[in-house]
Protein backbone atom coordinates (compact mmCIF):
# COMPACT_ATOMS: atom_id res chain seq x y z
CA MET A 1 0.03 -17.20 13.80
CA THR A 2 0.62 -17.70 10.61
CA ASP A 3 3.40 -19.20 8.92
CA ASP A 4 4.78 -16.08 8.46
CA PRO A 5 5.33 -14.40 11.71
CA LEU A 6 6.20 -10.95 9.67
CA LYS A 7 3.26 -10.94 7.15
CA PRO A 8 1.24 -7.97 7.80
CA GLU A 9 -1.94 -9.57 9.15
CA SER A 10 0.68 -11.16 12.14
CA LEU A 11 1.55 -8.05 13.62
CA LEU A 12 0.17 -6.44 16.35
CA PRO A 13 -2.22 -3.73 16.37
CA GLU A 14 0.53 -1.22 17.62
CA GLU A 15 3.04 -2.36 15.34
CA GLN A 16 0.56 -1.74 12.28
CA ILE A 17 0.28 1.65 13.53
CA LYS A 18 3.72 2.26 13.97
CA ILE A 19 4.49 1.21 10.14
CA ALA A 20 1.98 3.54 9.17
CA ALA A 21 3.69 6.27 10.83
CA ALA A 22 7.07 5.55 9.77
CA LYS A 23 8.58 8.44 7.68
CA SER A 24 12.33 7.31 8.03
CA VAL A 25 14.68 3.79 6.78
CA GLU A 26 15.28 4.37 10.40
CA GLU A 27 11.97 4.20 11.90
CA TRP A 28 11.18 0.94 9.77
CA MET A 29 14.39 -0.56 11.08
CA GLU A 30 13.30 0.00 14.93
CA VAL A 31 9.88 -1.80 14.33
CA TYR A 32 11.37 -4.37 12.35
CA ILE A 33 13.38 -5.15 15.61
CA GLU A 34 10.88 -4.62 17.94
CA VAL A 35 8.79 -7.33 15.35
CA ILE A 36 11.78 -9.64 15.67
CA VAL A 37 11.75 -9.53 19.18
CA ARG A 38 8.42 -10.11 20.06
CA VAL A 39 8.54 -13.02 17.50
CA MET A 40 11.67 -14.74 19.20
CA SER A 41 9.68 -14.58 22.35
CA GLN A 42 7.31 -16.58 21.04
CA MET A 43 9.06 -18.75 19.58
CA THR A 44 11.93 -20.13 21.84
CA GLU A 45 10.83 -21.50 24.83
CA GLU A 46 13.70 -20.15 27.01
CA SER A 47 13.22 -16.51 27.91
CA LEU A 48 15.18 -13.91 26.05
CA SER A 49 17.62 -13.30 28.48
CA GLY A 50 19.07 -16.54 27.47
CA VAL A 51 21.63 -17.03 24.95
CA ILE A 52 19.36 -17.03 21.97
CA TYR A 53 18.51 -13.52 22.90
CA GLU A 54 22.25 -12.24 23.93
CA ARG A 55 23.55 -13.15 20.38
CA PHE A 56 20.65 -11.60 19.11
CA ARG A 57 21.52 -8.47 20.83
CA SER A 58 24.91 -8.51 20.45
CA GLU A 59 25.38 -9.32 17.02
CA THR A 60 22.26 -9.31 14.86
CA VAL A 61 21.00 -5.61 16.49
CA PRO A 62 24.27 -3.91 15.95
CA ARG A 63 24.56 -5.49 12.34
CA LEU A 64 21.08 -4.18 11.47
CA ARG A 65 22.25 -0.70 13.09
CA ARG A 66 25.26 -0.46 10.36
CA ILE A 67 22.82 -1.99 7.40
CA VAL A 68 20.19 1.05 8.16
CA ARG A 69 23.06 3.05 8.29
CA ASP A 70 24.15 2.09 4.94
CA PHE A 71 21.25 2.61 3.61
CA ARG A 72 20.68 6.32 4.83
CA THR A 73 24.24 6.82 3.50
CA ALA A 74 23.19 5.32 -0.08
CA GLY A 75 20.55 7.43 -0.14
CA LEU A 76 17.59 4.97 0.73
CA THR A 77 14.16 6.40 1.10
CA ILE A 78 10.77 4.63 2.19
CA HIS A 79 9.71 5.60 -1.26
CA ASP A 80 12.33 4.31 -3.78
CA GLU A 81 11.43 1.46 -5.96
CA ILE A 82 14.54 -0.76 -5.15
CA GLU A 83 15.96 -3.56 -7.98
CA VAL A 84 17.97 -6.60 -6.21
CA GLU A 85 20.85 -8.44 -7.52
CA GLY A 86 21.86 -11.89 -5.96
CA ILE A 87 18.68 -13.44 -4.74
CA HIS A 88 15.36 -14.16 -6.62
CA LEU A 89 12.38 -12.75 -4.65
CA ILE A 90 9.20 -14.82 -5.14
CA PRO A 91 6.03 -13.85 -2.70
CA GLY A 92 5.46 -16.45 -0.18
CA GLN A 93 8.64 -18.17 -0.72
CA ARG A 94 12.00 -17.39 1.02
CA PRO A 95 14.34 -15.90 -0.59
CA LEU A 96 16.51 -18.01 -3.47
CA TRP A 97 20.22 -16.78 -3.12
CA GLU A 98 22.04 -17.16 -6.43
CA ASP A 99 25.07 -18.22 -4.42
CA THR A 100 24.11 -20.33 -1.17
CA GLN A 101 27.38 -20.60 0.29
CA ARG A 102 28.45 -17.01 -0.16
CA PRO A 103 25.13 -15.21 0.27
CA GLU A 104 25.35 -11.32 -1.52
CA VAL A 105 22.99 -9.08 -2.83
CA LYS A 106 23.12 -6.02 -4.56
CA PHE A 107 20.53 -3.02 -4.22
CA ILE A 108 19.95 -0.94 -7.26
CA TRP A 109 18.35 2.73 -6.82
CA PRO A 110 16.63 4.01 -9.65
CA ASP A 111 19.09 6.61 -10.03
CA GLY A 112 21.95 3.70 -10.46
CA SER A 113 23.22 3.80 -7.19
CA GLU A 114 24.06 0.80 -5.96
CA LEU A 115 24.71 -0.76 -1.71
CA LYS A 116 26.18 -4.47 -1.67
CA PHE A 117 26.32 -6.71 1.27
CA GLN A 118 27.77 -10.03 2.17
CA GLY A 119 27.68 -13.27 4.06
CA GLU A 120 25.23 -12.23 7.21
CA SER A 121 24.99 -9.02 6.59
CA ALA A 122 23.32 -9.71 3.19
CA ILE A 123 20.84 -12.23 4.99
CA SER A 124 20.11 -9.23 7.38
CA ALA A 125 19.71 -6.46 4.93
CA VAL A 126 17.70 -8.81 2.60
CA GLY A 127 15.30 -9.61 5.75
CA PHE A 128 14.76 -6.02 6.36
CA PHE A 129 14.12 -5.52 2.85
CA GLU A 130 11.43 -7.92 2.54
CA PHE A 131 9.68 -6.27 5.51
CA TRP A 132 9.77 -3.19 4.88
CA ALA A 133 8.33 -4.34 0.91
CA LYS A 134 5.50 -6.42 2.33
CA HIS A 135 4.56 -3.71 4.99
CA GLN A 136 4.48 -0.66 2.80
CA ILE A 137 0.98 0.80 2.37
CA PRO A 138 0.46 0.99 -1.40
CA LEU A 139 0.17 4.26 -3.23
CA THR A 140 -2.48 4.17 -5.85
CA GLY A 141 -1.61 6.30 -8.91
CA VAL A 142 -4.15 8.16 -10.91
CA LYS A 143 -5.16 6.37 -13.86
CA ALA A 144 -3.40 6.69 -16.84
CA GLY A 145 -3.69 9.88 -18.93
CA LYS A 146 -5.80 11.77 -15.91
CA ARG A 147 -3.84 14.33 -13.83
CA ARG A 148 -5.50 16.28 -11.11
CA ILE A 149 -4.53 19.75 -10.84
CA ILE A 150 -4.95 21.53 -7.40
CA THR A 151 -5.91 25.35 -8.04
CA PRO A 152 -3.50 27.82 -6.75
CA GLY A 153 -4.12 29.52 -3.63
CA SER A 154 -7.22 27.19 -2.96
CA GLU A 155 -7.85 26.08 0.06
CA GLU A 156 -6.37 22.36 -0.87
CA GLU A 157 -3.45 23.95 -1.95
CA ARG A 158 -2.90 25.62 1.80
CA ASP A 159 -3.81 22.35 3.38
CA TYR A 160 -0.99 20.56 1.35
CA PHE A 161 1.69 22.76 2.33
CA GLU A 162 0.67 23.29 5.87
CA ALA A 163 1.00 19.08 6.45
CA LYS A 164 4.31 19.50 4.08
CA GLU A 165 5.50 22.12 6.82
CA ARG A 166 4.53 20.21 9.58
CA ASP A 167 6.08 17.16 7.97
CA LEU A 168 9.36 18.69 7.46
CA GLN A 169 9.40 20.09 10.59
CA GLY A 170 8.97 16.99 12.68
CA ARG A 171 12.08 15.10 11.05
CA ASP A 172 15.73 15.36 12.40
CA PRO A 173 17.37 17.64 10.32
CA ASN A 174 20.89 15.38 10.71
CA GLY A 175 18.92 12.25 9.23
């Protein structure tokens, strides 16, 4: 196992598949919780029915569910580029909190909307955010100055809109 059990190379194949298929912040959170439970079971000598797991189940999971609800309410999509204040994120290192005695983090969306967490919620939100950021499949854009045009009425255009329609039909209208 690597020093960071939440790194992409540490994930099981089925977890990698779930991440690749995740389309909503809720799906990402479910995978995150599954991975944490698996990692906890490997790291603790007690069984998962012990005190550590009970605390995780009774305190951390509800907190993570509140965080994902707040992210969704604030308009988080898995494609947004989000800025973060209150911590310094350095790849390969633990987050550096500006105030270690009172952790606070603010997420800022490109449109200027903000979402702030404090205390343990801030720590949990940053953990989820790091997991999400580490495991995004990078989208490569076109090179500067080049555009790709799909001819209207072409088979490629029909395939695109059919795939988009299937995707939209698979989404929860309340989500």
